[in-house]
Amino acid sequence: MTSVPPALSANATFIRPSNFYINGFYNIPHTNYYFAFLCIVYAVTVLGNSFIMCTIYLARTLHTAKYIAVFNLALSDLGGSSALIPQLIDTFLFKNQLISYEACLANMFFVLFFMTLQSLTLLVMAYDRVVAICFPLRYNAIVTKAAMTLIIVITWIFSVTIIALLVALITRLSFCRSVIIDSYFCDHGPTYILACNDKFINYFMAILCFVVLACVPTILITISYICIGIALMKISHGLERKKAMKTCTSHLILVSLFYLPFFATNMASLTSSLKANDRIINSTLTQTLPPMLNPIIYTLKTEEVMQAVKVLYKRTKAVVKRSMPSGQAIHP
């Protein structure tokens, strides 16, 4: 494929392209089926996460500190999928692979921002679980709604700040050779490596963000579950231990779904000759499947949510029954 020539700026020593060209999914047969699959994934993601958020908002029993974090995870899942999948479908299914410089940076910001928020929210949820099991008598005093709200606000501010800085540093780069991005969105790594001036600060920020936003949360979550495991071994009654473990099951599944494929794809890219298209498909699945599965797991695996859904269903059914004219029956 021939290079798409960048539009030169007024200053000949610094070249800022007017457009980038997204080159992912190159020469893969039958990609339309994959994009149709992603459309279904996105529809399920929107419905599932909207359902979880509405349930938490409407059910008073779920107005607790723990479910503030769950609500935030659903919101970040919905935002992340909305930032990625519609743009990806428009880019490749409808062949709009040319994207303006400003739109590319915006796409980069929102996709990476919501990924960061997902990672930090899983860490916050681990903090909630470790306090609940290791310090059960002090849980209500430590993890209050006000404290959890403050923590979530801090994660938003931190995520916006670090990703805005990461993206802003792209604007100092000059793109004098190629503007073809070998990825499925305006990803940071495949974009900054195209620059022809000094990009060490961009490389440093990429490594820093990977460590701080992926490795550190994973280590802290692992440590939290080691503490939880030690606390569970001290519980003598088997029934209480089983009940405590059950409260962690959903979170552990969410953590596994988010981090394991992410690290596996990155490790495969570094340690083996993983083809670009294979990396792109693995990465898109890593980013799109967990947001779809998270609300399903929380609905099916969490007793409190299931109970709240049943109560809301009965309440809605009663309201509909009262609003219907007399003499008409509601059939199940």
C-alpha atoms as a PDB file:
ATOM      1  CA  MET A   1       0.000   0.000   0.000  1.00  0.00           C
ATOM      2  CA  THR A   2       1.330   3.440  -0.890  1.00  0.00           C
ATOM      3  CA  SER A   3       1.888   6.005   1.805  1.00  0.00           C
ATOM      4  CA  VAL A   4      -0.720   8.717   2.217  1.00  0.00           C
ATOM      5  CA  PRO A   5       1.218  11.987   1.888  1.00  0.00           C
ATOM      6  CA  PRO A   6       0.930  14.317   4.875  1.00  0.00           C
ATOM      7  CA  ALA A   7      -0.110  17.917   4.416  1.00  0.00           C
ATOM      8  CA  LEU A   8       2.844  20.154   5.250  1.00  0.00           C
ATOM      9  CA  SER A   9       2.518  22.924   7.788  1.00  0.00           C
ATOM     10  CA  ALA A  10       3.757  26.424   7.157  1.00  0.00           C
ATOM     11  CA  ASN A  11       6.980  25.655   9.011  1.00  0.00           C
ATOM     12  CA  ALA A  12       8.961  23.245   6.822  1.00  0.00           C
ATOM     13  CA  THR A  13      10.982  21.949   9.794  1.00  0.00           C
ATOM     14  CA  PHE A  14       7.865  20.729  11.611  1.00  0.00           C
ATOM     15  CA  ILE A  15       5.280  18.615   9.796  1.00  0.00           C
ATOM     16  CA  ARG A  16       1.838  18.102  11.271  1.00  0.00           C
ATOM     17  CA  PRO A  17      -0.363  15.976   8.985  1.00  0.00           C
ATOM     18  CA  SER A  18      -3.924  16.992   8.271  1.00  0.00           C
ATOM     19  CA  ASN A  19      -4.924  13.307   8.313  1.00  0.00           C
ATOM     20  CA  PHE A  20      -3.808   9.866   9.450  1.00  0.00           C
ATOM     21  CA  TYR A  21      -4.644   6.597   7.703  1.00  0.00           C
ATOM     22  CA  ILE A  22      -5.802   3.663   9.880  1.00  0.00           C
ATOM     23  CA  ASN A  23      -4.397   0.506   8.319  1.00  0.00           C
ATOM     24  CA  GLY A  24      -5.647  -2.277  10.623  1.00  0.00           C
ATOM     25  CA  PHE A  25      -7.350  -5.468   9.359  1.00  0.00           C
ATOM     26  CA  TYR A  26      -5.325  -5.275   6.172  1.00  0.00           C
ATOM     27  CA  ASN A  27      -5.909  -8.064   3.657  1.00  0.00           C
ATOM     28  CA  ILE A  28      -8.008 -10.259   5.991  1.00  0.00           C
ATOM     29  CA  PRO A  29     -10.780 -12.211   4.206  1.00  0.00           C
ATOM     30  CA  HIS A  30     -14.407 -12.133   5.414  1.00  0.00           C
ATOM     31  CA  THR A  31     -13.884  -9.250   7.870  1.00  0.00           C
ATOM     32  CA  ASN A  32     -17.517  -8.204   7.401  1.00  0.00           C
ATOM     33  CA  TYR A  33     -18.560 -11.153   9.579  1.00  0.00           C
ATOM     34  CA  TYR A  34     -16.174  -9.984  12.300  1.00  0.00           C
ATOM     35  CA  PHE A  35     -17.563  -6.454  12.171  1.00  0.00           C
ATOM     36  CA  ALA A  36     -21.117  -7.825  12.338  1.00  0.00           C
ATOM     37  CA  PHE A  37     -20.031  -9.758  15.447  1.00  0.00           C
ATOM     38  CA  LEU A  38     -18.643  -6.531  16.948  1.00  0.00           C
ATOM     39  CA  CYS A  39     -21.984  -4.809  16.265  1.00  0.00           C
ATOM     40  CA  ILE A  40     -23.735  -7.524  18.281  1.00  0.00           C
ATOM     41  CA  VAL A  41     -21.111  -7.213  21.035  1.00  0.00           C
ATOM     42  CA  TYR A  42     -21.687  -3.445  21.180  1.00  0.00           C
ATOM     43  CA  ALA A  43     -25.489  -3.815  21.312  1.00  0.00           C
ATOM     44  CA  VAL A  44     -25.240  -6.334  24.183  1.00  0.00           C
ATOM     45  CA  THR A  45     -22.683  -4.083  25.950  1.00  0.00           C
ATOM     46  CA  VAL A  46     -24.980  -1.036  25.764  1.00  0.00           C
ATOM     47  CA  LEU A  47     -28.031  -2.973  26.936  1.00  0.00           C
ATOM     48  CA  GLY A  48     -26.205  -4.867  29.703  1.00  0.00           C
ATOM     49  CA  ASN A  49     -24.355  -1.925  31.213  1.00  0.00           C
ATOM     50  CA  SER A  50     -27.386   0.370  30.915  1.00  0.00           C
ATOM     51  CA  PHE A  51     -29.413  -2.309  32.694  1.00  0.00           C
ATOM     52  CA  ILE A  52     -26.862  -2.533  35.543  1.00  0.00           C
ATOM     53  CA  MET A  53     -26.705   1.259  35.941  1.00  0.00           C
ATOM     54  CA  CYS A  54     -30.505   1.605  35.916  1.00  0.00           C
ATOM     55  CA  THR A  55     -30.854  -1.244  38.442  1.00  0.00           C
ATOM     56  CA  ILE A  56     -28.335   0.371  40.809  1.00  0.00           C
ATOM     57  CA  TYR A  57     -30.019   3.766  40.413  1.00  0.00           C
ATOM     58  CA  LEU A  58     -33.572   2.467  40.999  1.00  0.00           C
ATOM     59  CA  ALA A  59     -32.922  -0.141  43.734  1.00  0.00           C
ATOM     60  CA  ARG A  60     -32.465   1.508  47.136  1.00  0.00           C
ATOM     61  CA  THR A  61     -30.817  -1.632  48.509  1.00  0.00           C
ATOM     62  CA  LEU A  62     -27.945  -1.062  46.071  1.00  0.00           C
ATOM     63  CA  HIS A  63     -27.313   2.528  47.179  1.00  0.00           C
ATOM     64  CA  THR A  64     -24.124   1.502  48.972  1.00  0.00           C
ATOM     65  CA  ALA A  65     -20.426   2.317  48.624  1.00  0.00           C
ATOM     66  CA  LYS A  66     -19.705  -0.980  46.869  1.00  0.00           C
ATOM     67  CA  TYR A  67     -22.241  -0.309  44.120  1.00  0.00           C
ATOM     68  CA  ILE A  68     -20.926   3.198  43.508  1.00  0.00           C
ATOM     69  CA  ALA A  69     -17.797   1.414  42.240  1.00  0.00           C
ATOM     70  CA  VAL A  70     -19.876  -1.119  40.273  1.00  0.00           C
ATOM     71  CA  PHE A  71     -21.850   1.732  38.689  1.00  0.00           C
ATOM     72  CA  ASN A  72     -18.589   3.428  37.733  1.00  0.00           C
ATOM     73  CA  LEU A  73     -17.286   0.205  36.146  1.00  0.00           C
ATOM     74  CA  ALA A  74     -20.472  -0.136  34.078  1.00  0.00           C
ATOM     75  CA  LEU A  75     -20.176   3.513  33.028  1.00  0.00           C
ATOM     76  CA  SER A  76     -16.519   3.115  32.010  1.00  0.00           C
ATOM     77  CA  ASP A  77     -17.325  -0.131  30.149  1.00  0.00           C
ATOM     78  CA  LEU A  78     -20.091   1.638  28.244  1.00  0.00           C
ATOM     79  CA  GLY A  79     -17.872   4.644  27.519  1.00  0.00           C
ATOM     80  CA  GLY A  80     -14.933   2.513  26.393  1.00  0.00           C
ATOM     81  CA  SER A  81     -17.016   0.441  23.981  1.00  0.00           C
ATOM     82  CA  SER A  82     -18.746   3.563  22.640  1.00  0.00           C
ATOM     83  CA  ALA A  83     -15.374   5.249  22.037  1.00  0.00           C
ATOM     84  CA  LEU A  84     -13.980   2.220  20.186  1.00  0.00           C
ATOM     85  CA  ILE A  85     -16.549   0.056  18.390  1.00  0.00           C
ATOM     86  CA  PRO A  86     -18.645   2.613  16.424  1.00  0.00           C
ATOM     87  CA  GLN A  87     -15.467   4.332  15.199  1.00  0.00           C
ATOM     88  CA  LEU A  88     -13.925   0.956  14.299  1.00  0.00           C
ATOM     89  CA  ILE A  89     -17.043  -0.078  12.328  1.00  0.00           C
ATOM     90  CA  ASP A  90     -17.137   3.273  10.528  1.00  0.00           C
ATOM     91  CA  THR A  91     -13.405   3.068   9.740  1.00  0.00           C
ATOM     92  CA  PHE A  92     -13.222  -0.440   8.304  1.00  0.00           C
ATOM     93  CA  LEU A  93     -16.731  -1.557   7.360  1.00  0.00           C
ATOM     94  CA  PHE A  94     -17.545   1.720   5.590  1.00  0.00           C
ATOM     95  CA  LYS A  95     -13.933   2.283   4.445  1.00  0.00           C
ATOM     96  CA  ASN A  96     -13.478   5.659   6.153  1.00  0.00           C
ATOM     97  CA  GLN A  97      -9.861   4.935   7.038  1.00  0.00           C
ATOM     98  CA  LEU A  98      -8.685   8.505   6.601  1.00  0.00           C
ATOM     99  CA  ILE A  99      -9.089  10.360   9.907  1.00  0.00           C
ATOM    100  CA  SER A 100      -8.244  13.971  10.657  1.00  0.00           C
ATOM    101  CA  TYR A 101      -5.336  14.783  12.974  1.00  0.00           C
ATOM    102  CA  GLU A 102      -7.632  16.271  15.653  1.00  0.00           C
ATOM    103  CA  ALA A 103     -10.171  13.416  15.448  1.00  0.00           C
ATOM    104  CA  CYS A 104      -7.323  10.909  15.761  1.00  0.00           C
ATOM    105  CA  LEU A 105      -6.056  12.497  18.985  1.00  0.00           C
ATOM    106  CA  ALA A 106      -9.615  12.673  20.356  1.00  0.00           C
ATOM    107  CA  ASN A 107     -10.153   8.989  19.549  1.00  0.00           C
ATOM    108  CA  MET A 108      -6.843   8.130  21.223  1.00  0.00           C
ATOM    109  CA  PHE A 109      -7.783  10.081  24.355  1.00  0.00           C
ATOM    110  CA  PHE A 110     -11.241   8.607  24.897  1.00  0.00           C
ATOM    111  CA  VAL A 111     -10.282   4.971  24.203  1.00  0.00           C
ATOM    112  CA  LEU A 112      -7.233   5.111  26.516  1.00  0.00           C
ATOM    113  CA  PHE A 113      -9.078   7.174  29.137  1.00  0.00           C
ATOM    114  CA  PHE A 114     -11.879   4.640  29.553  1.00  0.00           C
ATOM    115  CA  MET A 115      -9.396   1.732  29.576  1.00  0.00           C
ATOM    116  CA  THR A 116      -7.533   3.500  32.393  1.00  0.00           C
ATOM    117  CA  LEU A 117     -10.779   4.098  34.262  1.00  0.00           C
ATOM    118  CA  GLN A 118     -11.720   0.408  33.945  1.00  0.00           C
ATOM    119  CA  SER A 119      -8.353  -0.663  35.351  1.00  0.00           C
ATOM    120  CA  LEU A 120      -8.471   1.756  38.299  1.00  0.00           C
ATOM    121  CA  THR A 121     -12.108   0.893  39.083  1.00  0.00           C
ATOM    122  CA  LEU A 122     -11.210  -2.801  39.349  1.00  0.00           C
ATOM    123  CA  LEU A 123      -8.498  -1.757  41.823  1.00  0.00           C
ATOM    124  CA  VAL A 124     -11.041   0.273  43.827  1.00  0.00           C
ATOM    125  CA  MET A 125     -13.364  -2.739  43.904  1.00  0.00           C
ATOM    126  CA  ALA A 126     -10.487  -4.880  45.214  1.00  0.00           C
ATOM    127  CA  TYR A 127      -9.953  -2.305  47.989  1.00  0.00           C
ATOM    128  CA  ASP A 128     -13.654  -2.589  48.872  1.00  0.00           C
ATOM    129  CA  ARG A 129     -13.431  -6.395  49.102  1.00  0.00           C
ATOM    130  CA  VAL A 130     -10.216  -6.448  51.171  1.00  0.00           C
ATOM    131  CA  VAL A 131     -11.707  -4.055  53.743  1.00  0.00           C
ATOM    132  CA  ALA A 132     -14.992  -6.023  53.817  1.00  0.00           C
ATOM    133  CA  ILE A 133     -13.263  -9.345  54.553  1.00  0.00           C
ATOM    134  CA  CYS A 134     -10.162  -8.325  56.503  1.00  0.00           C
ATOM    135  CA  PHE A 135     -11.873  -5.635  58.614  1.00  0.00           C
ATOM    136  CA  PRO A 136     -15.569  -6.616  58.613  1.00  0.00           C
ATOM    137  CA  LEU A 137     -16.432  -4.794  61.863  1.00  0.00           C
ATOM    138  CA  ARG A 138     -14.950  -1.520  60.602  1.00  0.00           C
ATOM    139  CA  TYR A 139     -16.153  -1.813  56.993  1.00  0.00           C
ATOM    140  CA  ASN A 140     -19.134   0.553  57.320  1.00  0.00           C
ATOM    141  CA  ALA A 141     -16.960   3.137  59.026  1.00  0.00           C
ATOM    142  CA  ILE A 142     -14.104   2.955  56.490  1.00  0.00           C
ATOM    143  CA  VAL A 143     -15.901   2.400  53.177  1.00  0.00           C
ATOM    144  CA  THR A 144     -18.639   5.012  53.363  1.00  0.00           C
ATOM    145  CA  LYS A 145     -20.551   6.360  50.376  1.00  0.00           C
ATOM    146  CA  ALA A 146     -18.752   9.689  50.763  1.00  0.00           C
ATOM    147  CA  ALA A 147     -15.335   7.996  50.885  1.00  0.00           C
ATOM    148  CA  MET A 148     -16.082   5.828  47.849  1.00  0.00           C
ATOM    149  CA  THR A 149     -17.408   8.813  45.884  1.00  0.00           C
ATOM    150  CA  LEU A 150     -14.208  10.713  46.680  1.00  0.00           C
ATOM    151  CA  ILE A 151     -12.057   7.763  45.548  1.00  0.00           C
ATOM    152  CA  ILE A 152     -14.001   7.473  42.273  1.00  0.00           C
ATOM    153  CA  VAL A 153     -13.675  11.222  41.633  1.00  0.00           C
ATOM    154  CA  ILE A 154      -9.904  10.934  42.208  1.00  0.00           C
ATOM    155  CA  THR A 155      -9.684   8.067  39.684  1.00  0.00           C
ATOM    156  CA  TRP A 156     -11.493  10.237  37.115  1.00  0.00           C
ATOM    157  CA  ILE A 157      -9.194  13.218  37.717  1.00  0.00           C
ATOM    158  CA  PHE A 158      -6.073  11.040  37.624  1.00  0.00           C
ATOM    159  CA  SER A 159      -7.202   9.234  34.448  1.00  0.00           C
ATOM    160  CA  VAL A 160      -8.043  12.477  32.639  1.00  0.00           C
ATOM    161  CA  THR A 161      -4.743  14.078  33.672  1.00  0.00           C
ATOM    162  CA  ILE A 162      -2.361  11.272  32.725  1.00  0.00           C
ATOM    163  CA  ILE A 163      -4.081  10.379  29.423  1.00  0.00           C
ATOM    164  CA  ALA A 164      -4.442  14.059  28.444  1.00  0.00           C
ATOM    165  CA  LEU A 165      -0.693  14.472  29.030  1.00  0.00           C
ATOM    166  CA  LEU A 166       0.051  11.303  27.038  1.00  0.00           C
ATOM    167  CA  VAL A 167      -2.015  12.544  24.081  1.00  0.00           C
ATOM    168  CA  ALA A 168      -0.809  16.160  24.327  1.00  0.00           C
ATOM    169  CA  LEU A 169       2.793  15.002  23.910  1.00  0.00           C
ATOM    170  CA  ILE A 170       1.869  13.691  20.438  1.00  0.00           C
ATOM    171  CA  THR A 171       1.424  17.307  19.312  1.00  0.00           C
ATOM    172  CA  ARG A 172       5.174  17.951  19.705  1.00  0.00           C
ATOM    173  CA  LEU A 173       5.992  15.285  17.105  1.00  0.00           C
ATOM    174  CA  SER A 174       6.764  15.903  13.449  1.00  0.00           C
ATOM    175  CA  PHE A 175       5.476  13.314  10.955  1.00  0.00           C
ATOM    176  CA  CYS A 176       7.741  13.691   7.927  1.00  0.00           C
ATOM    177  CA  ARG A 177       7.580  10.139   6.536  1.00  0.00           C
ATOM    178  CA  SER A 178       4.462   7.970   6.924  1.00  0.00           C
ATOM    179  CA  VAL A 179       1.036   8.727   8.389  1.00  0.00           C
ATOM    180  CA  ILE A 180      -0.203   5.119   8.148  1.00  0.00           C
ATOM    181  CA  ILE A 181      -1.133   3.787  11.603  1.00  0.00           C
ATOM    182  CA  ASP A 182      -0.900  -0.017  11.772  1.00  0.00           C
ATOM    183  CA  SER A 183      -3.658  -0.494  14.314  1.00  0.00           C
ATOM    184  CA  TYR A 184      -7.462  -0.580  14.592  1.00  0.00           C
ATOM    185  CA  PHE A 185      -7.726   2.883  16.180  1.00  0.00           C
ATOM    186  CA  CYS A 186      -5.427   5.836  16.783  1.00  0.00           C
ATOM    187  CA  ASP A 187      -3.380   3.858  19.292  1.00  0.00           C
ATOM    188  CA  HIS A 188      -0.585   5.698  21.082  1.00  0.00           C
ATOM    189  CA  GLY A 189       2.322   3.350  20.283  1.00  0.00           C
ATOM    190  CA  PRO A 190       1.700   2.842  16.546  1.00  0.00           C
ATOM    191  CA  THR A 191       1.149   6.612  16.198  1.00  0.00           C
ATOM    192  CA  TYR A 192       4.161   8.094  17.991  1.00  0.00           C
ATOM    193  CA  ILE A 193       6.652   5.668  16.372  1.00  0.00           C
ATOM    194  CA  LEU A 194       5.831   7.273  12.995  1.00  0.00           C
ATOM    195  CA  ALA A 195       7.419  10.563  14.098  1.00  0.00           C
ATOM    196  CA  CYS A 196      10.825  11.560  12.777  1.00  0.00           C
ATOM    197  CA  ASN A 197      11.947  13.930  15.533  1.00  0.00           C
ATOM    198  CA  ASP A 198      12.991  12.961  19.063  1.00  0.00           C
ATOM    199  CA  LYS A 199      10.275  10.768  20.622  1.00  0.00           C
ATOM    200  CA  PHE A 200      12.024   9.599  23.788  1.00  0.00           C
ATOM    201  CA  ILE A 201       9.565  11.445  26.075  1.00  0.00           C
ATOM    202  CA  ASN A 202       6.655   9.707  24.291  1.00  0.00           C
ATOM    203  CA  TYR A 203       8.355   6.320  24.728  1.00  0.00           C
ATOM    204  CA  PHE A 204       8.996   7.107  28.404  1.00  0.00           C
ATOM    205  CA  MET A 205       5.349   8.115  28.947  1.00  0.00           C
ATOM    206  CA  ALA A 206       4.136   4.944  27.208  1.00  0.00           C
ATOM    207  CA  ILE A 207       6.247   2.781  29.548  1.00  0.00           C
ATOM    208  CA  LEU A 208       5.210   4.851  32.592  1.00  0.00           C
ATOM    209  CA  CYS A 209       1.513   4.538  31.757  1.00  0.00           C
ATOM    210  CA  PHE A 210       1.818   0.791  31.163  1.00  0.00           C
ATOM    211  CA  VAL A 211       3.500   0.326  34.563  1.00  0.00           C
ATOM    212  CA  VAL A 212       1.287   2.717  36.550  1.00  0.00           C
ATOM    213  CA  LEU A 213      -2.059   1.925  34.904  1.00  0.00           C
ATOM    214  CA  ALA A 214      -1.717  -1.812  34.213  1.00  0.00           C
ATOM    215  CA  CYS A 215       1.128  -3.396  36.194  1.00  0.00           C
ATOM    216  CA  VAL A 216       0.668  -1.555  39.520  1.00  0.00           C
ATOM    217  CA  PRO A 217      -3.116  -2.206  39.739  1.00  0.00           C
ATOM    218  CA  THR A 218      -2.511  -5.881  38.906  1.00  0.00           C
ATOM    219  CA  ILE A 219       0.142  -6.175  41.651  1.00  0.00           C
ATOM    220  CA  LEU A 220      -2.055  -4.365  44.199  1.00  0.00           C
ATOM    221  CA  ILE A 221      -5.088  -6.520  43.346  1.00  0.00           C
ATOM    222  CA  THR A 222      -2.925  -9.648  43.716  1.00  0.00           C
ATOM    223  CA  ILE A 223      -1.676  -8.440  47.123  1.00  0.00           C
ATOM    224  CA  SER A 224      -5.247  -7.656  48.192  1.00  0.00           C
ATOM    225  CA  TYR A 225      -6.345 -11.207  47.389  1.00  0.00           C
ATOM    226  CA  ILE A 226      -3.362 -12.653  49.257  1.00  0.00           C
ATOM    227  CA  CYS A 227      -4.569 -10.662  52.282  1.00  0.00           C
ATOM    228  CA  ILE A 228      -8.114 -11.901  51.677  1.00  0.00           C
ATOM    229  CA  GLY A 229      -6.837 -15.507  51.456  1.00  0.00           C
ATOM    230  CA  ILE A 230      -4.993 -15.148  54.773  1.00  0.00           C
ATOM    231  CA  ALA A 231      -8.104 -13.645  56.392  1.00  0.00           C
ATOM    232  CA  LEU A 232     -10.298 -16.464  55.044  1.00  0.00           C
ATOM    233  CA  MET A 233      -7.987 -19.127  56.499  1.00  0.00           C
ATOM    234  CA  LYS A 234      -8.515 -17.578  59.929  1.00  0.00           C
ATOM    235  CA  ILE A 235     -12.293 -18.030  59.652  1.00  0.00           C
ATOM    236  CA  SER A 236     -13.029 -21.275  61.444  1.00  0.00           C
ATOM    237  CA  HIS A 237     -16.653 -21.693  60.387  1.00  0.00           C
ATOM    238  CA  GLY A 238     -16.857 -23.240  56.898  1.00  0.00           C
ATOM    239  CA  LEU A 239     -20.194 -21.606  56.024  1.00  0.00           C
ATOM    240  CA  GLU A 240     -18.913 -18.109  56.830  1.00  0.00           C
ATOM    241  CA  ARG A 241     -15.756 -18.749  54.811  1.00  0.00           C
ATOM    242  CA  LYS A 242     -17.804 -19.898  51.823  1.00  0.00           C
ATOM    243  CA  LYS A 243     -20.058 -16.838  52.072  1.00  0.00           C
ATOM    244  CA  ALA A 244     -17.034 -14.506  52.224  1.00  0.00           C
ATOM    245  CA  MET A 245     -15.438 -16.208  49.219  1.00  0.00           C
ATOM    246  CA  LYS A 246     -18.675 -15.884  47.252  1.00  0.00           C
ATOM    247  CA  THR A 247     -18.581 -12.095  47.599  1.00  0.00           C
ATOM    248  CA  CYS A 248     -15.207 -12.074  45.781  1.00  0.00           C
ATOM    249  CA  THR A 249     -16.094 -14.439  42.936  1.00  0.00           C
ATOM    250  CA  SER A 250     -17.619 -11.837  40.622  1.00  0.00           C
ATOM    251  CA  HIS A 251     -14.743  -9.417  41.092  1.00  0.00           C
ATOM    252  CA  LEU A 252     -12.130 -12.112  40.482  1.00  0.00           C
ATOM    253  CA  ILE A 253     -13.829 -13.076  37.211  1.00  0.00           C
ATOM    254  CA  LEU A 254     -13.933  -9.409  36.109  1.00  0.00           C
ATOM    255  CA  VAL A 255     -10.230  -8.972  36.952  1.00  0.00           C
ATOM    256  CA  SER A 256      -9.312 -12.141  35.038  1.00  0.00           C
ATOM    257  CA  LEU A 257     -11.339 -11.087  31.990  1.00  0.00           C
ATOM    258  CA  PHE A 258      -9.720  -7.647  31.895  1.00  0.00           C
ATOM    259  CA  TYR A 259      -6.064  -8.276  32.764  1.00  0.00           C
ATOM    260  CA  LEU A 260      -5.212 -11.814  31.591  1.00  0.00           C
ATOM    261  CA  PRO A 261      -6.018 -11.334  27.858  1.00  0.00           C
ATOM    262  CA  PHE A 262      -4.413  -7.871  27.962  1.00  0.00           C
ATOM    263  CA  PHE A 263      -1.102  -9.132  29.360  1.00  0.00           C
ATOM    264  CA  ALA A 264      -1.212 -12.296  27.215  1.00  0.00           C
ATOM    265  CA  THR A 265      -1.557 -10.253  24.009  1.00  0.00           C
ATOM    266  CA  ASN A 266       1.229  -7.860  25.039  1.00  0.00           C
ATOM    267  CA  MET A 267       3.562 -10.690  26.047  1.00  0.00           C
ATOM    268  CA  ALA A 268       2.869 -12.560  22.797  1.00  0.00           C
ATOM    269  CA  SER A 269       3.697  -9.415  20.816  1.00  0.00           C
ATOM    270  CA  LEU A 270       7.007  -8.998  22.646  1.00  0.00           C
ATOM    271  CA  THR A 271       8.188 -12.614  22.870  1.00  0.00           C
ATOM    272  CA  SER A 272       7.013 -14.084  19.547  1.00  0.00           C
ATOM    273  CA  SER A 273       6.508 -13.104  15.947  1.00  0.00           C
ATOM    274  CA  LEU A 274       2.802 -12.365  16.358  1.00  0.00           C
ATOM    275  CA  LYS A 275       1.455 -11.098  13.053  1.00  0.00           C
ATOM    276  CA  ALA A 276       0.008  -7.581  12.983  1.00  0.00           C
ATOM    277  CA  ASN A 277      -3.490  -8.784  12.059  1.00  0.00           C
ATOM    278  CA  ASP A 278      -3.465 -11.453  14.781  1.00  0.00           C
ATOM    279  CA  ARG A 279      -2.399  -8.815  17.323  1.00  0.00           C
ATOM    280  CA  ILE A 280      -5.150  -6.463  16.153  1.00  0.00           C
ATOM    281  CA  ILE A 281      -7.895  -9.119  16.378  1.00  0.00           C
ATOM    282  CA  ASN A 282      -6.689 -10.270  19.821  1.00  0.00           C
ATOM    283  CA  SER A 283      -6.526  -6.663  21.045  1.00  0.00           C
ATOM    284  CA  THR A 284     -10.010  -5.772  19.798  1.00  0.00           C
ATOM    285  CA  LEU A 285     -11.482  -8.840  21.510  1.00  0.00           C
ATOM    286  CA  THR A 286      -9.552  -7.986  24.691  1.00  0.00           C
ATOM    287  CA  GLN A 287     -11.056  -4.502  24.705  1.00  0.00           C
ATOM    288  CA  THR A 288     -14.608  -5.334  23.615  1.00  0.00           C
ATOM    289  CA  LEU A 289     -15.566  -8.646  25.256  1.00  0.00           C
ATOM    290  CA  PRO A 290     -15.000  -7.793  28.972  1.00  0.00           C
ATOM    291  CA  PRO A 291     -17.365  -4.747  28.874  1.00  0.00           C
ATOM    292  CA  MET A 292     -20.024  -7.011  27.338  1.00  0.00           C
ATOM    293  CA  LEU A 293     -19.529  -9.837  29.863  1.00  0.00           C
ATOM    294  CA  ASN A 294     -19.129  -7.734  33.040  1.00  0.00           C
ATOM    295  CA  PRO A 295     -22.840  -6.863  33.525  1.00  0.00           C
ATOM    296  CA  ILE A 296     -23.867 -10.446  32.727  1.00  0.00           C
ATOM    297  CA  ILE A 297     -21.457 -11.770  35.359  1.00  0.00           C
ATOM    298  CA  TYR A 298     -22.583  -9.246  37.959  1.00  0.00           C
ATOM    299  CA  THR A 299     -26.265  -9.968  37.293  1.00  0.00           C
ATOM    300  CA  LEU A 300     -25.917 -13.751  37.457  1.00  0.00           C
ATOM    301  CA  LYS A 301     -23.186 -14.053  40.111  1.00  0.00           C
ATOM    302  CA  THR A 302     -24.255 -11.404  42.619  1.00  0.00           C
ATOM    303  CA  GLU A 303     -27.174 -12.288  44.881  1.00  0.00           C
ATOM    304  CA  GLU A 304     -27.864  -8.665  45.849  1.00  0.00           C
ATOM    305  CA  VAL A 305     -28.275  -7.615  42.224  1.00  0.00           C
ATOM    306  CA  MET A 306     -30.510 -10.580  41.386  1.00  0.00           C
ATOM    307  CA  GLN A 307     -32.692  -9.811  44.406  1.00  0.00           C
ATOM    308  CA  ALA A 308     -32.891  -6.130  43.428  1.00  0.00           C
ATOM    309  CA  VAL A 309     -33.887  -7.083  39.859  1.00  0.00           C
ATOM    310  CA  LYS A 310     -36.689  -9.329  41.199  1.00  0.00           C
ATOM    311  CA  VAL A 311     -37.982  -6.550  43.470  1.00  0.00           C
ATOM    312  CA  LEU A 312     -37.933  -4.019  40.624  1.00  0.00           C
ATOM    313  CA  TYR A 313     -39.725  -6.481  38.335  1.00  0.00           C
ATOM    314  CA  LYS A 314     -42.491  -7.073  40.909  1.00  0.00           C
ATOM    315  CA  ARG A 315     -42.795  -3.327  41.531  1.00  0.00           C
ATOM    316  CA  THR A 316     -43.071  -2.599  37.794  1.00  0.00           C
ATOM    317  CA  LYS A 317     -45.598  -5.394  37.341  1.00  0.00           C
ATOM    318  CA  ALA A 318     -47.724  -3.995  40.191  1.00  0.00           C
ATOM    319  CA  VAL A 319     -47.604  -0.463  38.725  1.00  0.00           C
ATOM    320  CA  VAL A 320     -48.653  -1.738  35.276  1.00  0.00           C
ATOM    321  CA  LYS A 321     -51.459  -3.781  36.825  1.00  0.00           C
ATOM    322  CA  ARG A 322     -52.802  -0.753  38.729  1.00  0.00           C
ATOM    323  CA  SER A 323     -52.649   1.422  35.586  1.00  0.00           C
ATOM    324  CA  MET A 324     -54.674  -1.031  33.482  1.00  0.00           C
ATOM    325  CA  PRO A 325     -58.491  -0.681  33.221  1.00  0.00           C
ATOM    326  CA  SER A 326     -60.449  -2.926  35.579  1.00  0.00           C
ATOM    327  CA  GLY A 327     -61.473  -6.261  34.173  1.00  0.00           C
ATOM    328  CA  GLN A 328     -58.242  -6.785  32.216  1.00  0.00           C
ATOM    329  CA  ALA A 329     -55.738  -9.304  33.454  1.00  0.00           C
ATOM    330  CA  ILE A 330     -52.001  -9.459  32.975  1.00  0.00           C
ATOM    331  CA  HIS A 331     -50.894 -12.734  31.559  1.00  0.00           C
ATOM    332  CA  PRO A 332     -47.407 -13.972  32.468  1.00  0.00           C
END
